[in-house]
Structures are given as structure tokens and as C-alpha cells.
Protein backbone atom coordinates (compact mmCIF):
# COMPACT_ATOMS: atom_id res chain seq x y z
CA MET A 1 0.00 0.10 0.02
CA ALA A 2 1.67 2.96 -1.02
CA GLU A 3 1.39 5.79 1.53
CA GLY A 4 -1.26 8.76 1.27
CA ASP A 5 -3.62 6.65 -1.16
CA GLY A 6 -6.75 6.94 1.32
CA ARG A 7 -6.90 3.43 2.78
CA GLN A 8 -7.75 3.42 6.48
CA GLY A 9 -6.95 0.85 8.93
CA GLU A 10 -4.14 -1.20 7.03
CA TRP A 11 -0.65 -1.50 8.11
CA ARG A 12 2.01 0.65 6.20
CA LEU A 13 5.79 0.34 6.77
CA THR A 14 6.02 3.96 7.85
CA ASP A 15 3.98 2.82 10.81
CA LEU A 16 7.32 0.89 12.20
CA GLY A 17 8.81 3.70 14.27
CA THR A 18 12.32 3.56 15.27
CA TRP A 19 14.04 1.59 18.05
CA THR A 20 17.52 0.85 18.87
CA GLU A 21 19.29 -2.59 18.41
CA GLN A 22 19.47 -2.30 22.28
CA GLN A 23 15.81 -1.86 22.81
CA ALA A 24 15.05 -4.54 19.76
CA ALA A 25 17.19 -7.05 21.48
CA ASP A 26 15.78 -6.14 24.98
CA PHE A 27 12.20 -6.57 23.47
CA GLU A 28 13.21 -10.36 22.17
CA LEU A 29 15.01 -11.22 25.09
CA ALA A 30 11.67 -10.53 27.06
CA ARG A 31 9.72 -12.16 24.89
CA SER A 32 12.07 -15.26 25.30
CA VAL A 33 12.06 -15.09 29.16
CA ILE A 34 8.34 -15.13 29.02
CA GLY A 35 8.51 -18.31 27.02
CA THR A 36 10.92 -19.87 29.36
CA VAL A 37 8.02 -19.08 31.90
CA ILE A 38 5.60 -20.80 29.75
CA ALA A 39 7.96 -23.88 29.01
CA ALA A 40 8.03 -23.91 32.86
CA CYS A 41 4.55 -23.80 33.52
CA SER A 42 4.21 -26.68 30.88
CA SER A 43 6.80 -28.84 32.58
CA ARG A 44 5.21 -28.25 36.07
CA LEU A 45 1.71 -29.09 34.32
CA GLY A 46 3.11 -32.69 33.24
CA ARG A 47 4.06 -33.34 36.76
CA THR A 48 1.02 -32.24 38.23
CA VAL A 49 -1.82 -34.74 38.99
CA ASP A 50 -4.05 -32.19 41.30
CA ALA A 51 -6.74 -30.88 39.53
CA ASP A 52 -6.81 -27.86 41.18
CA GLU A 53 -3.14 -27.02 41.29
CA ARG A 54 -3.56 -27.95 37.20
CA ALA A 55 -6.39 -25.43 36.86
CA GLY A 56 -4.60 -22.37 38.48
CA LEU A 57 -1.31 -23.88 36.45
CA LEU A 58 -3.02 -23.31 33.12
CA THR A 59 -4.65 -20.17 34.16
CA THR A 60 -1.15 -19.03 34.91
CA GLN A 61 0.18 -19.93 31.99
CA GLN A 62 -2.52 -18.49 29.80
CA GLN A 63 -1.73 -14.92 31.16
CA TYR A 64 1.73 -15.12 30.56
CA MET A 65 0.73 -15.88 26.60
CA ARG A 66 -1.30 -13.25 26.47
CA GLU A 67 1.35 -11.25 28.25
CA ARG A 68 3.92 -12.35 25.56
CA ARG A 69 1.33 -11.72 22.66
CA LEU A 70 0.50 -8.25 24.04
CA LEU A 71 3.71 -7.22 24.57
CA THR A 72 5.31 -4.29 22.50
CA PHE A 73 8.39 -2.25 21.98
CA GLU A 74 6.95 0.69 23.69
CA ASP A 75 6.51 -1.20 26.97
CA GLU A 76 9.88 -0.46 27.86
CA GLU A 77 9.12 -0.58 31.95
CA GLN A 78 7.42 -4.14 31.37
CA ILE A 79 9.96 -4.96 29.29
CA LYS A 80 12.56 -3.86 32.14
CA ARG A 81 10.40 -5.68 34.72
CA ILE A 82 10.37 -8.75 32.91
CA LEU A 83 13.89 -8.96 32.41
CA ARG A 84 14.37 -8.35 36.56
CA ASP A 85 11.49 -10.19 37.64
CA TYR A 86 10.89 -13.27 35.18
CA PRO A 87 14.05 -15.32 35.38
CA ALA A 88 13.00 -16.18 38.97
CA VAL A 89 9.68 -17.04 38.07
CA ALA A 90 11.07 -19.15 35.99
CA ARG A 91 13.10 -20.69 38.14
CA LYS A 92 10.44 -21.16 40.92
CA MET A 93 7.97 -22.42 38.80
CA SER A 94 10.61 -25.31 37.52
CA GLY A 95 11.25 -26.11 41.06
CA ARG A 96 14.90 -24.94 41.10
């Protein structure tokens, strides 16, 4: 789509914005760290037989999946929080 052709609601290359390499790296790392937490939830689900605990883990896993899906480059404070806090969450979830 060319810029200025009057179409609304469509994505344009100019909508990308600009980010530093560090911002891009932090964003990708935050998504990866959330993925590690999701995987730790899956691993724990595989070892859990209690129905209530399984339900709680599934809910938790879905929340992390939603967070990862909705995370954007602009969420700088959230990205910092994820990079600071979630490695410990993943370790705790996996029992380490």
C-alpha cells in the first residue's frame, strides 16, 4: 500500500517507528524469557496430578501467553520488569 492513498485501517511500512538495537534486543529477550516461564508452566503441568493445581497452572500459563502476545516495543518499563523478575519466576516454577 502506498502512503497517502486514502485507505484506513491498513498497516504501512512507515508505521514501524524507530528503535535502537538495544531496545530491539531487550524486546526479543523479554519475549524469550516469558516463553521460558510458559515452558516451565508446561513442565510443571506434566508433573502435576492435583486438579486444582493444574487449573491454576493453566490459568497462569494463559496469562503469560497473553502478556507475551500483547508486549510491544513501547512497553519499556514492562520489558525492564520482565527482564528483572521473570528469570526468578521461571526458576521457581521449574522447582530450581
